[in-house]
Protein backbone atom coordinates (compact mmCIF):
# COMPACT_ATOMS: atom_id res chain seq x y z
CA LYS A 1 55.22 -37.40 -39.11
CA ASN A 2 57.99 -39.09 -41.07
CA ALA A 3 57.77 -38.84 -44.83
CA ALA A 4 57.95 -42.03 -46.88
CA LEU A 5 61.37 -42.02 -48.51
CA PRO A 6 63.36 -44.48 -50.59
CA THR A 7 66.02 -46.61 -48.95
CA HIS A 8 69.27 -44.65 -48.67
CA SER A 9 72.71 -44.93 -47.14
CA SER A 10 72.86 -41.30 -46.02
CA PRO A 11 70.74 -38.14 -46.18
CA THR A 12 73.30 -36.61 -48.57
CA GLU A 13 73.12 -39.57 -50.95
CA LEU A 14 69.31 -39.39 -50.98
CA ALA A 15 69.30 -35.61 -51.50
CA ASP A 16 71.71 -36.02 -54.41
CA ARG A 17 69.51 -38.72 -55.99
CA PHE A 18 66.39 -36.56 -55.75
CA ALA A 19 68.26 -33.46 -56.97
CA GLY A 20 69.53 -35.36 -60.00
CA TYR A 21 66.13 -36.87 -60.74
CA PHE A 22 64.20 -33.58 -60.49
CA THR A 23 66.88 -31.66 -62.44
CA ASP A 24 66.79 -34.25 -65.24
CA LYS A 25 62.98 -34.14 -65.26
CA ILE A 26 62.99 -30.35 -65.68
CA ALA A 27 65.55 -30.61 -68.49
CA ARG A 28 63.34 -33.17 -70.29
CA ILE A 29 60.27 -30.94 -69.93
CA ARG A 30 62.18 -27.94 -71.27
CA THR A 31 63.39 -29.96 -74.25
CA ASP A 32 59.88 -31.23 -74.95
CA LEU A 33 58.46 -27.69 -74.77
CA SER A 34 61.19 -26.36 -77.04
CA ASP A 35 60.58 -29.16 -79.54
CA ALA A 36 56.82 -28.49 -79.46
CA LYS A 37 57.38 -24.75 -79.98
CA ASN A 38 59.74 -25.38 -82.90
CA SER A 39 57.18 -27.74 -84.44
CA ILE A 40 54.46 -25.09 -84.18
CA ASP A 41 56.77 -22.32 -85.48
CA GLN A 42 57.63 -24.39 -88.56
CA SER A 43 54.01 -25.19 -89.37
CA PRO A 44 52.81 -22.91 -92.23
CA ALA A 45 49.18 -23.07 -91.14
CA SER A 46 49.80 -22.34 -87.48
CA GLU A 47 47.93 -19.48 -85.87
CA PRO A 48 49.42 -17.27 -83.17
CA MET A 49 49.26 -18.98 -79.78
CA VAL A 50 48.34 -15.70 -78.05
CA SER A 51 46.56 -12.78 -79.58
CA PRO A 52 48.33 -9.48 -78.96
CA ALA A 53 46.86 -7.46 -76.12
CA VAL A 54 45.39 -4.13 -77.15
CA ASN A 55 46.56 -2.72 -73.84
CA PRO A 56 49.67 -4.64 -72.77
CA LEU A 57 50.68 -4.71 -69.12
CA GLU A 58 53.97 -2.85 -69.33
CA THR A 59 54.62 -2.02 -65.68
CA PHE A 60 53.37 -2.98 -62.26
CA LYS A 61 51.82 -0.36 -60.00
CA GLU A 62 53.32 0.48 -56.62
CA VAL A 63 51.41 -0.86 -53.64
CA GLU A 64 50.58 0.99 -50.46
CA GLU A 65 51.64 -0.10 -46.97
CA GLU A 66 47.98 -0.65 -46.08
CA ASP A 67 47.53 -3.12 -48.96
CA VAL A 68 50.71 -5.01 -48.05
CA SER A 69 49.64 -5.13 -44.42
CA LYS A 70 46.23 -6.56 -45.36
CA LEU A 71 47.91 -9.14 -47.60
CA ILE A 72 50.27 -10.29 -44.86
CA LEU A 73 47.66 -10.36 -42.10
CA SER A 74 45.11 -12.23 -44.24
CA GLY A 75 47.53 -14.98 -45.25
CA ASN A 76 48.44 -18.07 -43.27
CA SER A 77 51.34 -18.00 -40.84
CA LYS A 78 53.41 -20.78 -42.41
CA SER A 79 57.12 -20.11 -42.36
CA CYS A 80 60.09 -21.41 -44.25
CA CYS A 81 63.44 -22.10 -42.63
CA LEU A 82 64.86 -19.55 -45.11
CA ASP A 83 62.73 -16.76 -43.57
CA PRO A 84 64.78 -14.45 -41.35
CA ILE A 85 61.86 -14.24 -38.93
CA PRO A 86 58.93 -16.65 -38.47
CA THR A 87 55.74 -15.37 -40.12
CA LYS A 88 53.82 -15.53 -36.85
CA ILE A 89 56.30 -13.11 -35.25
CA LEU A 90 56.44 -10.96 -38.39
CA LYS A 91 52.70 -10.41 -38.09
CA GLN A 92 53.13 -9.35 -34.45
CA VAL A 93 55.75 -6.71 -35.32
CA LEU A 94 54.23 -5.73 -38.66
CA PRO A 95 53.69 -2.01 -37.89
CA SER A 96 57.45 -1.66 -37.32
CA VAL A 97 58.54 -3.48 -40.48
CA ILE A 98 55.77 -2.72 -42.98
CA PRO A 99 57.63 0.26 -44.54
CA SER A 100 60.64 -1.95 -45.30
CA ILE A 101 58.56 -4.84 -46.63
CA THR A 102 56.52 -2.48 -48.83
CA SER A 103 59.75 -0.97 -50.16
CA ILE A 104 61.13 -4.43 -51.03
CA ILE A 105 57.90 -5.37 -52.83
CA ASN A 106 57.71 -2.08 -54.76
CA LYS A 107 61.36 -2.22 -55.79
CA SER A 108 60.93 -5.78 -57.02
CA LEU A 109 57.83 -4.82 -59.02
CA LYS A 110 59.45 -1.67 -60.43
CA GLU A 111 62.58 -3.50 -61.55
CA SER A 112 60.68 -6.66 -62.60
CA HIS A 113 63.21 -8.60 -60.59
CA MET A 114 62.82 -11.06 -57.75
CA PRO A 115 65.77 -10.94 -55.33
CA THR A 116 67.82 -14.13 -55.55
CA SER A 117 67.43 -14.84 -51.84
CA LEU A 118 63.64 -14.87 -52.29
CA LYS A 119 63.82 -17.37 -55.18
CA GLN A 120 65.60 -20.02 -53.14
CA ALA A 121 63.40 -22.80 -51.83
CA VAL A 122 63.52 -25.79 -49.55
CA VAL A 123 62.36 -28.69 -51.73
CA THR A 124 60.74 -31.69 -50.09
CA PRO A 125 59.96 -34.83 -52.12
CA LEU A 126 56.46 -36.12 -51.32
CA LEU A 127 55.08 -39.47 -52.36
CA LYS A 128 52.16 -38.81 -54.75
CA LYS A 129 50.04 -41.58 -53.19
CA SER A 130 50.79 -43.70 -50.14
CA SER A 131 50.04 -46.84 -52.15
CA LEU A 132 52.89 -46.16 -54.61
CA ASP A 133 56.33 -47.78 -54.46
CA LYS A 134 58.51 -45.49 -52.34
CA GLU A 135 61.68 -46.81 -54.02
CA ASN A 136 60.71 -45.37 -57.43
CA LEU A 137 61.62 -41.67 -57.68
CA LYS A 138 58.96 -41.20 -60.39
CA ASN A 139 56.37 -41.61 -57.63
CA TYR A 140 57.46 -38.40 -55.90
CA ARG A 141 56.63 -34.78 -56.56
CA PRO A 142 58.79 -31.88 -55.40
CA VAL A 143 57.13 -29.46 -52.98
CA SER A 144 58.89 -26.11 -52.68
CA ASN A 145 58.74 -24.04 -49.51
CA LEU A 146 59.57 -20.46 -50.46
CA PRO A 147 60.39 -17.44 -48.27
CA PHE A 148 57.27 -15.57 -47.11
CA ILE A 149 58.20 -12.17 -48.59
CA GLY A 150 58.81 -13.78 -52.00
CA LYS A 151 55.30 -15.25 -51.87
CA CYS A 152 53.94 -11.79 -51.01
CA ILE A 153 55.65 -10.29 -54.09
CA GLU A 154 54.15 -13.05 -56.23
CA LYS A 155 50.66 -12.44 -54.83
CA VAL A 156 50.86 -8.70 -55.53
CA ALA A 157 52.05 -9.32 -59.12
CA ILE A 158 49.40 -11.98 -59.74
CA LYS A 159 46.66 -9.70 -58.44
CA GLN A 160 47.73 -6.91 -60.80
CA MET A 161 47.97 -9.30 -63.77
CA GLU A 162 44.53 -10.76 -63.04
CA GLU A 163 43.04 -7.25 -62.79
CA HIS A 164 44.65 -6.31 -66.12
CA LEU A 165 43.29 -9.42 -67.82
CA LYS A 166 39.81 -8.80 -66.42
CA VAL A 167 39.68 -5.07 -67.24
CA HIS A 168 40.83 -5.66 -70.82
CA ASN A 169 38.70 -8.79 -71.30
CA LEU A 170 41.74 -10.91 -72.20
CA THR A 171 40.56 -14.25 -70.83
CA LYS A 172 38.28 -16.85 -72.30
CA PRO A 173 34.85 -17.23 -70.61
CA LEU A 174 35.79 -20.61 -69.12
CA GLN A 175 39.39 -19.66 -68.25
CA SER A 176 40.42 -21.15 -64.92
């Protein structure tokens, strides 16, 4: 299926246009957030945005190979062209590579650092609605395809954060 894309003279020219548009959009959002934060900080009657946690989450816990294996096998088999091995094949050879994958995940959690190679993404612009003008870049949203192991690290971290929030009753009753 071919994606709806604006008229362009070359793939490079189109990629540069989208890169510029999305980069500028992020810069505008960051400026708006910074301005909003400064406005709140300067308000004498402002209340703290977040109440301090009685029991802050200071470190992530190491995960066991069995937990990582379950996570990988339960997920979908989508791959990214940045993955060194397709996810479908990774699942087939998982017993051989699970110690290495678990080590990568635990090191990332321990150091609170995501390896640079796992933060890179393939970004595809998708038209928000087929009825929108494909020539207007505002009608596109960027969809990032990230490496599989990076997504696994994120899932492990999110699970631990959600457990912490639940155990310490740090969410509002209607928190989504």
